[in-house]
Structures are given as C-alpha cells and as structure tokens.
Amino acid sequence: MLFQSQFIELYNRLPWVNINKHKSALRSIDSQKRRVMTEDEVHEQSRAIVARIAEMPLFREAKTIMVYYPIHNEVDLRHLVKLFHEEKTFLLPATTSKKDMEVRQYIKGQPLKRGRFGIPEPATPAWTGSIDLILVPGVAFDKKCRRVGRGGGYYDRFLKRYRDAKKVGVCYDFQLHTEVPHSWFDIPMQCIVTPTQAIEC
C-alpha cells in the first residue's frame, strides 16, 4: 500500500499529468459558459465571426475550406457556407473510428447523416484532395494561437496530416485566454478569430 501511494504521488507530479488536469478544468469552465449562451447570443456572435473570416486574405485566397458542424453552442459557421458555397468547396469532418476522422465534401442541399457521436456529417466519399484552410473549433485558445480541444485528440491527429493547410481557430471572446496548458503534440493555429478581434501568430 505504501508503494502504491508513493507511486500515485510521483505520477501526479509528472508534467503531462498536471497539464491534463489543467486542461480538464479549463474544459469544464469554458464548456459550461458556452452551453448557457442564449440562441440570440450564439447567432449574433457567430455572425460577427463569420464577417471577420470573410474579410481575411487567408479565406479569400482559399478554394477548399474545412469547417465543422456546430454542437453545444459552438461558433456557427453555417452562414459562411451559405454565403460562399457557389465559389468555394466546403468540407466537413466525419468520425471513422474511436481515434480517427476523415473529411468529406459538403454539397448544399444534400442531407447529412448522424455520425458516431450524433454529429451531422456528409455521406459523400472521403476527400482525398488538398485543403487550403481549416477552421478549427475548440474549448479554449490563447493569444499564442494554442488550442485546447474536447480531449479526444481527433483534430490534433487530423491536422498533422494537413501540415500545409492554414489553420484558424474560432471561438467566443471568453474562450480566448492569455495562456492555456499545452503539450508538445498539440497543433498550434496560425490565427484566432473571435467576435471582436483576429490574432495572427
């Protein structure tokens, strides 16, 4: 029993254990703040973010753009797709296993199906082409363009496969912190966009 308690104490002192604990606490706080937002707040702030993205050179120059389907009051980018679906190719993620996801083309008017976690996703084949721009959701970001996700690691594993794609995090102002806990395998963004500002790194 003594050895077990000593092991647990030593384990809890490991740097990555503390990082994970800090990430979990941050997820709990920011996720709750997001979930209590009203429908009007989500709509208004999402439209402000969409307007900022639409003006960015990174977006204007991109031809193929990966977005996401919003859940639990995440920033809603569907208006962006509606505005530009005729001139750009939009992609949505689809979870393929417990550890991986792929990306599929979203075709306006084509119905979406419920995926592994109940999130709507296209039924189109896996996208095998390049991606110019990836708009990334997250639970929290910081001013150095680092991201804390939901904890499954899906995006970090996916983003490693598209190193040449520009990566822009989108979040509400309360999700942007001076600094967030981060690990060596966390993929940083090139830019963070909130309703009131765009931060380039």
N, C-alpha and C. Protein backbone atom coordinates (compact mmCIF):
# COMPACT_ATOMS: atom_id res chain seq x y z
N MET A 1 0.82 -1.21 0.00
CA MET A 1 0.00 0.00 0.00
C MET A 1 0.86 1.27 0.00
N LEU A 2 2.00 1.21 0.78
CA LEU A 2 2.89 2.35 0.82
C LEU A 2 3.49 2.62 -0.56
N PHE A 3 3.92 1.54 -1.22
CA PHE A 3 4.49 1.69 -2.56
C PHE A 3 3.45 2.27 -3.52
N GLN A 4 2.22 1.79 -3.42
CA GLN A 4 1.16 2.28 -4.31
C GLN A 4 0.91 3.77 -4.09
N SER A 5 0.86 4.20 -2.83
CA SER A 5 0.61 5.62 -2.55
C SER A 5 1.77 6.48 -3.02
N GLN A 6 3.00 5.97 -2.87
CA GLN A 6 4.18 6.71 -3.36
C GLN A 6 4.16 6.83 -4.88
N PHE A 7 3.76 5.74 -5.54
CA PHE A 7 3.68 5.75 -7.00
C PHE A 7 2.65 6.77 -7.48
N ILE A 8 1.50 6.78 -6.82
CA ILE A 8 0.45 7.73 -7.21
C ILE A 8 0.91 9.17 -7.01
N GLU A 9 1.62 9.41 -5.89
CA GLU A 9 2.12 10.75 -5.62
C GLU A 9 3.12 11.19 -6.67
N LEU A 10 4.05 10.28 -7.04
CA LEU A 10 5.04 10.59 -8.06
C LEU A 10 4.38 10.80 -9.42
N TYR A 11 3.41 9.95 -9.73
CA TYR A 11 2.69 10.05 -11.01
C TYR A 11 2.01 11.40 -11.14
N ASN A 12 1.38 11.84 -10.07
CA ASN A 12 0.64 13.10 -10.11
C ASN A 12 1.56 14.31 -10.25
N ARG A 13 2.86 14.11 -10.01
CA ARG A 13 3.81 15.21 -10.16
C ARG A 13 4.36 15.31 -11.58
N LEU A 14 4.09 14.31 -12.40
CA LEU A 14 4.60 14.34 -13.77
C LEU A 14 4.01 15.53 -14.52
N PRO A 15 4.83 16.21 -15.34
CA PRO A 15 4.37 17.44 -16.01
C PRO A 15 3.11 17.25 -16.83
N TRP A 16 3.05 16.15 -17.62
CA TRP A 16 1.89 15.99 -18.51
C TRP A 16 0.61 15.67 -17.74
N VAL A 17 0.76 15.11 -16.53
CA VAL A 17 -0.42 14.85 -15.70
C VAL A 17 -1.03 16.17 -15.25
N ASN A 18 -0.16 17.10 -14.81
CA ASN A 18 -0.65 18.42 -14.41
C ASN A 18 -1.26 19.17 -15.58
N ILE A 19 -0.65 19.04 -16.76
CA ILE A 19 -1.19 19.69 -17.95
C ILE A 19 -2.60 19.16 -18.24
N ASN A 20 -2.76 17.85 -18.19
CA ASN A 20 -4.07 17.25 -18.46
C ASN A 20 -5.11 17.67 -17.43
N LYS A 21 -4.68 17.80 -16.17
CA LYS A 21 -5.61 18.26 -15.13
C LYS A 21 -6.05 19.69 -15.39
N HIS A 22 -5.10 20.54 -15.79
CA HIS A 22 -5.43 21.93 -16.09
C HIS A 22 -6.35 22.03 -17.32
N LYS A 23 -6.09 21.18 -18.30
CA LYS A 23 -6.95 21.17 -19.49
C LYS A 23 -8.37 20.76 -19.12
N SER A 24 -8.49 19.74 -18.28
CA SER A 24 -9.82 19.25 -17.87
C SER A 24 -10.59 20.34 -17.13
N ALA A 25 -9.90 21.06 -16.25
CA ALA A 25 -10.56 22.14 -15.51
C ALA A 25 -11.01 23.25 -16.45
N LEU A 26 -10.16 23.59 -17.42
CA LEU A 26 -10.49 24.63 -18.38
C LEU A 26 -11.67 24.19 -19.25
N ARG A 27 -11.67 22.92 -19.67
CA ARG A 27 -12.79 22.41 -20.46
C ARG A 27 -14.10 22.53 -19.70
N SER A 28 -14.07 22.19 -18.43
CA SER A 28 -15.28 22.24 -17.61
C SER A 28 -15.82 23.66 -17.51
N ILE A 29 -14.94 24.62 -17.27
CA ILE A 29 -15.37 26.01 -17.08
C ILE A 29 -15.87 26.62 -18.38
N ASP A 30 -15.07 26.55 -19.44
CA ASP A 30 -15.44 27.22 -20.70
C ASP A 30 -16.60 26.52 -21.40
N SER A 31 -16.67 25.21 -21.29
CA SER A 31 -17.79 24.49 -21.90
C SER A 31 -19.11 24.89 -21.24
N GLN A 32 -19.09 25.06 -19.92
CA GLN A 32 -20.30 25.47 -19.21
C GLN A 32 -20.71 26.88 -19.60
N LYS A 33 -19.75 27.78 -19.73
CA LYS A 33 -20.06 29.15 -20.15
C LYS A 33 -20.71 29.15 -21.53
N ARG A 34 -20.20 28.29 -22.41
CA ARG A 34 -20.73 28.24 -23.77
C ARG A 34 -22.14 27.66 -23.79
N ARG A 35 -22.37 26.64 -23.00
CA ARG A 35 -23.67 25.97 -23.01
C ARG A 35 -24.81 26.84 -22.49
N VAL A 36 -24.50 27.83 -21.65
CA VAL A 36 -25.56 28.68 -21.10
C VAL A 36 -25.81 29.91 -21.97
N MET A 37 -25.11 30.03 -23.09
CA MET A 37 -25.37 31.14 -24.00
C MET A 37 -26.78 31.02 -24.58
N THR A 38 -27.42 32.14 -24.82
CA THR A 38 -28.75 32.11 -25.44
C THR A 38 -28.61 31.92 -26.95
N GLU A 39 -29.70 31.54 -27.57
CA GLU A 39 -29.70 31.36 -29.03
C GLU A 39 -29.34 32.67 -29.74
N ASP A 40 -29.85 33.78 -29.22
CA ASP A 40 -29.55 35.08 -29.82
C ASP A 40 -28.07 35.44 -29.70
N GLU A 41 -27.48 35.13 -28.55
CA GLU A 41 -26.05 35.40 -28.35
C GLU A 41 -25.20 34.59 -29.32
N VAL A 42 -25.53 33.31 -29.46
CA VAL A 42 -24.79 32.46 -30.40
C VAL A 42 -24.91 33.00 -31.81
N HIS A 43 -26.13 33.35 -32.20
CA HIS A 43 -26.38 33.85 -33.55
C HIS A 43 -25.61 35.15 -33.81
N GLU A 44 -25.71 36.10 -32.90
CA GLU A 44 -25.08 37.41 -33.08
C GLU A 44 -23.56 37.30 -33.13
N GLN A 45 -23.00 36.55 -32.18
CA GLN A 45 -21.54 36.45 -32.12
C GLN A 45 -20.98 35.60 -33.25
N SER A 46 -21.72 34.59 -33.67
CA SER A 46 -21.28 33.77 -34.80
C SER A 46 -21.27 34.60 -36.08
N ARG A 47 -22.28 35.43 -36.27
CA ARG A 47 -22.32 36.29 -37.46
C ARG A 47 -21.14 37.26 -37.47
N ALA A 48 -20.77 37.77 -36.30
CA ALA A 48 -19.62 38.69 -36.22
C ALA A 48 -18.33 37.97 -36.60
N ILE A 49 -18.19 36.73 -36.17
CA ILE A 49 -17.00 35.94 -36.52
C ILE A 49 -16.99 35.63 -38.01
N VAL A 50 -18.13 35.25 -38.56
CA VAL A 50 -18.23 34.98 -39.99
C VAL A 50 -17.83 36.21 -40.80
N ALA A 51 -18.27 37.37 -40.39
CA ALA A 51 -17.92 38.61 -41.10
C ALA A 51 -16.41 38.84 -41.07
N ARG A 52 -15.77 38.59 -39.95
CA ARG A 52 -14.32 38.75 -39.85
C ARG A 52 -13.58 37.76 -40.75
N ILE A 53 -14.03 36.50 -40.72
CA ILE A 53 -13.39 35.48 -41.54
C ILE A 53 -13.51 35.83 -43.02
N ALA A 54 -14.69 36.27 -43.42
CA ALA A 54 -14.94 36.58 -44.83
C ALA A 54 -14.02 37.67 -45.36
N GLU A 55 -13.51 38.53 -44.49
CA GLU A 55 -12.63 39.62 -44.90
C GLU A 55 -11.16 39.23 -44.89
N MET A 56 -10.82 38.07 -44.35
CA MET A 56 -9.43 37.69 -44.20
C MET A 56 -8.83 37.22 -45.53
N PRO A 57 -7.62 37.66 -45.86
CA PRO A 57 -6.95 37.17 -47.07
C PRO A 57 -6.81 35.65 -47.09
N LEU A 58 -6.57 35.04 -45.92
CA LEU A 58 -6.47 33.58 -45.85
C LEU A 58 -7.73 32.91 -46.38
N PHE A 59 -8.87 33.50 -46.06
CA PHE A 59 -10.14 32.93 -46.53
C PHE A 59 -10.38 33.27 -47.99
N ARG A 60 -10.14 34.50 -48.38
CA ARG A 60 -10.41 34.92 -49.76
C ARG A 60 -9.57 34.14 -50.76
N GLU A 61 -8.35 33.81 -50.37
CA GLU A 61 -7.46 33.09 -51.28
C GLU A 61 -7.71 31.58 -51.30
N ALA A 62 -8.38 31.08 -50.28
CA ALA A 62 -8.61 29.63 -50.17
C ALA A 62 -9.72 29.17 -51.12
N LYS A 63 -9.51 28.02 -51.73
CA LYS A 63 -10.52 27.42 -52.60
C LYS A 63 -11.25 26.27 -51.90
N THR A 64 -10.51 25.51 -51.10
CA THR A 64 -11.08 24.36 -50.39
C THR A 64 -10.95 24.60 -48.90
N ILE A 65 -12.09 24.62 -48.21
CA ILE A 65 -12.13 25.03 -46.81
C ILE A 65 -12.85 23.98 -45.97
N MET A 66 -12.23 23.57 -44.90
CA MET A 66 -12.86 22.65 -43.96
C MET A 66 -13.49 23.46 -42.83
N VAL A 67 -14.77 23.20 -42.60
CA VAL A 67 -15.48 23.81 -41.47
C VAL A 67 -15.89 22.67 -40.52
N TYR A 68 -16.93 22.85 -39.73
CA TYR A 68 -17.41 21.81 -38.82
C TYR A 68 -18.88 22.07 -38.56
N TYR A 69 -19.58 21.05 -38.08
CA TYR A 69 -20.99 21.23 -37.73
C TYR A 69 -21.05 21.59 -36.25
N PRO A 70 -21.66 22.74 -35.90
CA PRO A 70 -21.63 23.20 -34.51
C PRO A 70 -22.53 22.39 -33.58
N ILE A 71 -22.02 22.09 -32.39
CA ILE A 71 -22.82 21.44 -31.35
C ILE A 71 -22.60 22.19 -30.03
N HIS A 72 -23.57 22.10 -29.15
CA HIS A 72 -23.46 22.68 -27.80
C HIS A 72 -23.06 24.16 -27.84
N ASN A 73 -23.71 24.90 -28.72
CA ASN A 73 -23.50 26.35 -28.82
C ASN A 73 -22.11 26.75 -29.32
N GLU A 74 -21.44 25.88 -30.05
CA GLU A 74 -20.19 26.27 -30.68
C GLU A 74 -20.44 27.38 -31.69
N VAL A 75 -19.39 28.11 -32.03
CA VAL A 75 -19.50 29.13 -33.07
C VAL A 75 -20.09 28.48 -34.34
N ASP A 76 -21.13 29.10 -34.86
CA ASP A 76 -21.86 28.54 -36.00
C ASP A 76 -21.37 29.17 -37.30
N LEU A 77 -20.73 28.37 -38.13
CA LEU A 77 -20.16 28.85 -39.40
C LEU A 77 -21.05 28.53 -40.60
N ARG A 78 -22.25 28.06 -40.36
CA ARG A 78 -23.10 27.66 -41.49
C ARG A 78 -23.47 28.85 -42.38
N HIS A 79 -23.53 30.04 -41.81
CA HIS A 79 -23.82 31.22 -42.63
C HIS A 79 -22.68 31.49 -43.60
N LEU A 80 -21.45 31.20 -43.18
CA LEU A 80 -20.29 31.36 -44.06
C LEU A 80 -20.42 30.44 -45.27
N VAL A 81 -20.83 29.21 -45.02
CA VAL A 81 -21.03 28.24 -46.10
C VAL A 81 -22.14 28.73 -47.04
N LYS A 82 -23.20 29.23 -46.46
CA LYS A 82 -24.33 29.73 -47.26
C LYS A 82 -23.91 30.87 -48.17
N LEU A 83 -23.05 31.75 -47.66
CA LEU A 83 -22.63 32.92 -48.44
C LEU A 83 -21.70 32.56 -49.60
N PHE A 84 -20.85 31.54 -49.40
CA PHE A 84 -19.77 31.29 -50.36
C PHE A 84 -19.80 29.90 -50.99
N HIS A 85 -20.91 29.16 -50.85
CA HIS A 85 -20.93 27.78 -51.34
C HIS A 85 -20.80 27.68 -52.86
N GLU A 86 -21.14 28.74 -53.58
CA GLU A 86 -21.07 28.69 -55.04
C GLU A 86 -19.65 28.93 -55.57
N GLU A 87 -18.79 29.54 -54.76
CA GLU A 87 -17.45 29.85 -55.25
C GLU A 87 -16.33 29.10 -54.54
N LYS A 88 -16.66 28.38 -53.46
CA LYS A 88 -15.65 27.63 -52.74
C LYS A 88 -16.15 26.21 -52.44
N THR A 89 -15.21 25.30 -52.24
CA THR A 89 -15.55 23.93 -51.86
C THR A 89 -15.44 23.81 -50.34
N PHE A 90 -16.52 23.39 -49.70
CA PHE A 90 -16.52 23.24 -48.24
C PHE A 90 -16.53 21.77 -47.86
N LEU A 91 -15.79 21.47 -46.81
CA LEU A 91 -15.66 20.11 -46.31
C LEU A 91 -16.10 20.05 -44.85
N LEU A 92 -16.60 18.88 -44.44
CA LEU A 92 -16.98 18.65 -43.05
C LEU A 92 -16.28 17.40 -42.54
N PRO A 93 -15.93 17.36 -41.26
CA PRO A 93 -15.30 16.15 -40.71
C PRO A 93 -16.32 15.04 -40.50
N ALA A 94 -15.83 13.80 -40.58
CA ALA A 94 -16.65 12.62 -40.30
C ALA A 94 -15.80 11.66 -39.47
N THR A 95 -16.32 11.25 -38.32
CA THR A 95 -15.58 10.35 -37.45
C THR A 95 -15.67 8.93 -37.98
N THR A 96 -14.52 8.30 -38.18
CA THR A 96 -14.48 6.97 -38.78
C THR A 96 -14.16 5.86 -37.78
N SER A 97 -13.61 6.22 -36.63
CA SER A 97 -13.27 5.23 -35.62
C SER A 97 -13.17 5.94 -34.27
N LYS A 98 -12.77 5.21 -33.25
CA LYS A 98 -12.62 5.80 -31.92
C LYS A 98 -11.45 6.78 -31.85
N LYS A 99 -10.56 6.72 -32.83
CA LYS A 99 -9.37 7.56 -32.77
C LYS A 99 -9.13 8.42 -34.01
N ASP A 100 -9.99 8.29 -35.01
CA ASP A 100 -9.67 8.96 -36.27
C ASP A 100 -10.90 9.59 -36.90
N MET A 101 -10.64 10.55 -37.77
CA MET A 101 -11.72 11.14 -38.56
C MET A 101 -11.18 11.45 -39.95
N GLU A 102 -12.09 11.54 -40.90
CA GLU A 102 -11.74 11.92 -42.26
C GLU A 102 -12.56 13.15 -42.61
N VAL A 103 -12.38 13.65 -43.80
CA VAL A 103 -13.11 14.83 -44.22
C VAL A 103 -13.85 14.52 -45.51
N ARG A 104 -15.08 15.07 -45.63
CA ARG A 104 -15.92 14.81 -46.79
C ARG A 104 -16.50 16.12 -47.31
N GLN A 105 -16.76 16.15 -48.61
CA GLN A 105 -17.30 17.36 -49.20
C GLN A 105 -18.75 17.56 -48.78
N TYR A 106 -19.06 18.81 -48.42
CA TYR A 106 -20.45 19.18 -48.12
C TYR A 106 -21.06 19.79 -49.37
N ILE A 107 -22.12 19.20 -49.85
CA ILE A 107 -22.82 19.69 -51.03
C ILE A 107 -24.15 20.27 -50.59
N LYS A 108 -24.35 21.56 -50.84
CA LYS A 108 -25.57 22.23 -50.40
C LYS A 108 -26.80 21.53 -50.92
N GLY A 109 -27.76 21.30 -50.05
CA GLY A 109 -29.00 20.64 -50.42
C GLY A 109 -28.98 19.13 -50.22
N GLN A 110 -27.78 18.57 -50.06
CA GLN A 110 -27.67 17.13 -49.83
C GLN A 110 -27.80 16.86 -48.33
N PRO A 111 -28.68 15.95 -47.93
CA PRO A 111 -28.90 15.72 -46.49
C PRO A 111 -27.67 15.16 -45.80
N LEU A 112 -27.54 15.51 -44.52
CA LEU A 112 -26.46 14.99 -43.68
C LEU A 112 -26.98 13.81 -42.85
N LYS A 113 -26.10 12.93 -42.47
CA LYS A 113 -26.48 11.80 -41.62
C LYS A 113 -25.81 11.93 -40.26
N ARG A 114 -26.38 11.27 -39.27
CA ARG A 114 -25.81 11.31 -37.93
C ARG A 114 -24.58 10.42 -37.86
N GLY A 115 -23.47 10.97 -37.35
CA GLY A 115 -22.24 10.22 -37.24
C GLY A 115 -22.11 9.49 -35.92
N ARG A 116 -20.90 9.06 -35.62
CA ARG A 116 -20.62 8.26 -34.43
C ARG A 116 -21.08 8.93 -33.14
N PHE A 117 -20.90 10.24 -33.04
CA PHE A 117 -21.27 10.96 -31.83
C PHE A 117 -22.56 11.76 -32.01
N GLY A 118 -23.34 11.40 -33.02
CA GLY A 118 -24.60 12.09 -33.27
C GLY A 118 -24.44 13.41 -33.98
N ILE A 119 -23.23 13.73 -34.43
CA ILE A 119 -22.98 14.99 -35.14
C ILE A 119 -23.26 14.78 -36.63
N PRO A 120 -24.06 15.64 -37.25
CA PRO A 120 -24.34 15.50 -38.68
C PRO A 120 -23.07 15.57 -39.53
N GLU A 121 -22.99 14.68 -40.52
CA GLU A 121 -21.84 14.65 -41.42
C GLU A 121 -22.29 14.21 -42.81
N PRO A 122 -21.55 14.58 -43.86
CA PRO A 122 -21.94 14.21 -45.23
C PRO A 122 -21.82 12.70 -45.46
N ALA A 123 -22.58 12.22 -46.43
CA ALA A 123 -22.48 10.82 -46.84
C ALA A 123 -21.61 10.67 -48.08
N THR A 124 -20.97 11.75 -48.49
CA THR A 124 -20.11 11.73 -49.67
C THR A 124 -18.81 10.96 -49.39
N PRO A 125 -18.08 10.55 -50.43
CA PRO A 125 -16.83 9.82 -50.21
C PRO A 125 -15.78 10.67 -49.50
N ALA A 126 -14.79 10.02 -48.93
CA ALA A 126 -13.70 10.73 -48.26
C ALA A 126 -12.99 11.65 -49.24
N TRP A 127 -12.69 12.86 -48.80
CA TRP A 127 -11.97 13.83 -49.62
C TRP A 127 -10.50 13.43 -49.67
N THR A 128 -9.94 13.36 -50.85
CA THR A 128 -8.54 12.95 -50.99
C THR A 128 -7.66 14.07 -51.54
N GLY A 129 -8.27 15.21 -51.81
CA GLY A 129 -7.50 16.34 -52.35
C GLY A 129 -6.86 17.16 -51.24
N SER A 130 -6.30 18.27 -51.62
CA SER A 130 -5.66 19.16 -50.65
C SER A 130 -6.72 20.03 -49.97
N ILE A 131 -6.32 20.64 -48.88
CA ILE A 131 -7.18 21.57 -48.14
C ILE A 131 -6.39 22.86 -47.94
N ASP A 132 -6.98 23.98 -48.33
CA ASP A 132 -6.28 25.26 -48.21
C ASP A 132 -6.40 25.85 -46.81
N LEU A 133 -7.59 25.73 -46.23
CA LEU A 133 -7.88 26.39 -44.97
C LEU A 133 -8.74 25.49 -44.09
N ILE A 134 -8.37 25.38 -42.82
CA ILE A 134 -9.16 24.60 -41.85
C ILE A 134 -9.60 25.53 -40.74
N LEU A 135 -10.91 25.68 -40.57
CA LEU A 135 -11.48 26.48 -39.49
C LEU A 135 -11.75 25.53 -38.33
N VAL A 136 -11.06 25.74 -37.23
CA VAL A 136 -10.98 24.75 -36.16
C VAL A 136 -11.75 25.20 -34.92
N PRO A 137 -12.66 24.36 -34.42
CA PRO A 137 -13.33 24.66 -33.15
C PRO A 137 -12.43 24.29 -31.98
N GLY A 138 -12.79 24.73 -30.81
CA GLY A 138 -12.02 24.37 -29.63
C GLY A 138 -12.75 24.80 -28.38
N VAL A 139 -12.34 24.25 -27.26
CA VAL A 139 -12.93 24.66 -25.99
C VAL A 139 -12.29 25.95 -25.51
N ALA A 140 -10.98 26.09 -25.76
CA ALA A 140 -10.26 27.30 -25.35
C ALA A 140 -9.05 27.50 -26.25
N PHE A 141 -8.64 28.76 -26.39
CA PHE A 141 -7.45 29.13 -27.15
C PHE A 141 -6.68 30.17 -26.32
N ASP A 142 -5.44 30.43 -26.74
CA ASP A 142 -4.72 31.53 -26.10
C ASP A 142 -4.14 32.47 -27.15
N LYS A 143 -3.52 33.53 -26.68
CA LYS A 143 -3.04 34.59 -27.57
C LYS A 143 -1.76 34.20 -28.31
N LYS A 144 -1.26 33.00 -28.05
CA LYS A 144 -0.15 32.45 -28.82
C LYS A 144 -0.65 31.41 -29.83
N CYS A 145 -1.98 31.41 -30.02
CA CYS A 145 -2.65 30.56 -31.00
C CYS A 145 -2.58 29.07 -30.65
N ARG A 146 -2.51 28.78 -29.36
CA ARG A 146 -2.58 27.39 -28.92
C ARG A 146 -4.01 27.04 -28.57
N ARG A 147 -4.34 25.76 -28.68
CA ARG A 147 -5.73 25.31 -28.60
C ARG A 147 -5.89 24.19 -27.58
N VAL A 148 -7.02 24.22 -26.88
CA VAL A 148 -7.46 23.09 -26.06
C VAL A 148 -8.75 22.57 -26.67
N GLY A 149 -8.75 21.32 -27.09
CA GLY A 149 -9.93 20.72 -27.69
C GLY A 149 -10.79 19.99 -26.68
N ARG A 150 -11.66 19.13 -27.16
CA ARG A 150 -12.57 18.42 -26.27
C ARG A 150 -11.89 17.29 -25.51
N GLY A 151 -10.72 16.88 -25.96
CA GLY A 151 -9.99 15.86 -25.21
C GLY A 151 -9.80 14.54 -25.93
N GLY A 152 -10.44 14.38 -27.09
CA GLY A 152 -10.31 13.12 -27.81
C GLY A 152 -9.09 13.05 -28.71
N GLY A 153 -8.50 14.19 -29.03
CA GLY A 153 -7.33 14.23 -29.88
C GLY A 153 -7.61 14.07 -31.36
N TYR A 154 -8.89 14.08 -31.76
CA TYR A 154 -9.24 13.88 -33.17
C TYR A 154 -8.62 14.95 -34.06
N TYR A 155 -8.78 16.21 -33.66
CA TYR A 155 -8.29 17.28 -34.51
C TYR A 155 -6.77 17.31 -34.57
N ASP A 156 -6.11 17.10 -33.44
CA ASP A 156 -4.64 17.12 -33.47
C ASP A 156 -4.08 16.04 -34.39
N ARG A 157 -4.66 14.86 -34.34
CA ARG A 157 -4.20 13.78 -35.23
C ARG A 157 -4.51 14.11 -36.69
N PHE A 158 -5.68 14.69 -36.92
CA PHE A 158 -6.07 15.03 -38.28
C PHE A 158 -5.19 16.16 -38.84
N LEU A 159 -4.96 17.19 -38.04
CA LEU A 159 -4.21 18.35 -38.51
C LEU A 159 -2.77 18.01 -38.86
N LYS A 160 -2.21 16.99 -38.24
CA LYS A 160 -0.85 16.57 -38.57
C LYS A 160 -0.75 16.08 -40.00
N ARG A 161 -1.86 15.58 -40.55
CA ARG A 161 -1.85 15.07 -41.92
C ARG A 161 -1.97 16.19 -42.94
N TYR A 162 -2.33 17.39 -42.50
CA TYR A 162 -2.52 18.53 -43.40
C TYR A 162 -1.67 19.70 -42.92
N ARG A 163 -0.38 19.48 -42.83
CA ARG A 163 0.53 20.50 -42.30
C ARG A 163 0.57 21.75 -43.17
N ASP A 164 0.31 21.61 -44.47
CA ASP A 164 0.38 22.77 -45.37
C ASP A 164 -0.88 23.62 -45.32
N ALA A 165 -1.96 23.08 -44.79
CA ALA A 165 -3.21 23.85 -44.71
C ALA A 165 -3.10 24.94 -43.65
N LYS A 166 -3.64 26.11 -43.93
CA LYS A 166 -3.70 27.16 -42.92
C LYS A 166 -4.76 26.79 -41.89
N LYS A 167 -4.47 27.06 -40.62
CA LYS A 167 -5.36 26.64 -39.54
C LYS A 167 -5.78 27.86 -38.73
N VAL A 168 -7.08 28.10 -38.69
CA VAL A 168 -7.63 29.25 -37.99
C VAL A 168 -8.59 28.77 -36.91
N GLY A 169 -8.31 29.10 -35.67
CA GLY A 169 -9.21 28.76 -34.58
C GLY A 169 -10.32 29.79 -34.46
N VAL A 170 -11.52 29.33 -34.17
CA VAL A 170 -12.65 30.24 -33.99
C VAL A 170 -13.26 30.02 -32.60
N CYS A 171 -13.54 31.12 -31.92
CA CYS A 171 -14.09 31.00 -30.56
C CYS A 171 -14.73 32.31 -30.14
N TYR A 172 -15.48 32.24 -29.04
CA TYR A 172 -16.03 33.44 -28.43
C TYR A 172 -14.93 34.13 -27.61
N ASP A 173 -15.15 35.38 -27.26
CA ASP A 173 -14.12 36.13 -26.54
C ASP A 173 -13.76 35.49 -25.20
N PHE A 174 -14.74 34.92 -24.51
CA PHE A 174 -14.43 34.34 -23.20
C PHE A 174 -13.61 33.05 -23.31
N GLN A 175 -13.51 32.50 -24.52
CA GLN A 175 -12.70 31.30 -24.72
C GLN A 175 -11.25 31.63 -25.06
N LEU A 176 -10.93 32.90 -25.21
CA LEU A 176 -9.57 33.31 -25.53
C LEU A 176 -8.87 33.74 -24.24
N HIS A 177 -7.78 33.05 -23.90
CA HIS A 177 -7.06 33.28 -22.66
C HIS A 177 -5.65 33.79 -22.97
N THR A 178 -5.01 34.35 -21.95
CA THR A 178 -3.62 34.79 -22.10
C THR A 178 -2.73 33.58 -22.39
N GLU A 179 -3.00 32.48 -21.71
CA GLU A 179 -2.22 31.26 -21.92
C GLU A 179 -3.07 30.06 -21.52
N VAL A 180 -2.98 28.98 -22.30
CA VAL A 180 -3.67 27.74 -21.96
C VAL A 180 -2.62 26.63 -21.79
N PRO A 181 -2.92 25.60 -21.00
CA PRO A 181 -1.98 24.48 -20.88
C PRO A 181 -1.83 23.79 -22.23
N HIS A 182 -0.62 23.37 -22.56
CA HIS A 182 -0.40 22.76 -23.87
C HIS A 182 0.68 21.69 -23.77
N SER A 183 0.60 20.73 -24.68
CA SER A 183 1.56 19.63 -24.76
C SER A 183 2.29 19.71 -26.09
N TRP A 184 3.37 18.98 -26.22
CA TRP A 184 4.19 19.03 -27.43
C TRP A 184 3.44 18.57 -28.66
N PHE A 185 2.41 17.69 -28.47
CA PHE A 185 1.69 17.16 -29.62
C PHE A 185 0.49 18.02 -30.02
N ASP A 186 0.20 19.09 -29.28
CA ASP A 186 -0.90 19.98 -29.64
C ASP A 186 -0.50 20.82 -30.85
N ILE A 187 -1.38 20.87 -31.85
CA ILE A 187 -1.10 21.60 -33.08
C ILE A 187 -1.54 23.06 -32.93
N PRO A 188 -0.62 24.01 -33.11
CA PRO A 188 -0.99 25.42 -33.00
C PRO A 188 -1.71 25.93 -34.25
N MET A 189 -2.43 27.02 -34.08
CA MET A 189 -3.13 27.67 -35.18
C MET A 189 -2.24 28.78 -35.75
N GLN A 190 -2.57 29.25 -36.94
CA GLN A 190 -1.91 30.43 -37.49
C GLN A 190 -2.62 31.72 -37.06
N CYS A 191 -3.89 31.56 -36.66
CA CYS A 191 -4.70 32.74 -36.36
C CYS A 191 -5.87 32.31 -35.48
N ILE A 192 -6.34 33.22 -34.64
CA ILE A 192 -7.54 33.01 -33.82
C ILE A 192 -8.51 34.14 -34.14
N VAL A 193 -9.77 33.78 -34.37
CA VAL A 193 -10.79 34.79 -34.67
C VAL A 193 -11.90 34.72 -33.62
N THR A 194 -12.22 35.87 -33.03
CA THR A 194 -13.33 35.99 -32.09
C THR A 194 -14.30 37.04 -32.65
N PRO A 195 -15.42 37.30 -31.98
CA PRO A 195 -16.33 38.33 -32.49
C PRO A 195 -15.70 39.73 -32.54
N THR A 196 -14.67 39.98 -31.74
CA THR A 196 -14.12 41.33 -31.64
C THR A 196 -12.71 41.49 -32.17
N GLN A 197 -12.03 40.39 -32.48
CA GLN A 197 -10.64 40.53 -32.92
C GLN A 197 -10.15 39.30 -33.69
N ALA A 198 -9.06 39.51 -34.42
CA ALA A 198 -8.36 38.42 -35.09
C ALA A 198 -6.89 38.53 -34.70
N ILE A 199 -6.35 37.45 -34.15
CA ILE A 199 -4.98 37.43 -33.68
C ILE A 199 -4.15 36.52 -34.58
N GLU A 200 -3.12 37.06 -35.18
CA GLU A 200 -2.22 36.27 -36.01
C GLU A 200 -0.96 35.92 -35.22
N CYS A 201 -0.45 34.72 -35.44
CA CYS A 201 0.73 34.27 -34.70
C CYS A 201 1.88 33.92 -35.66
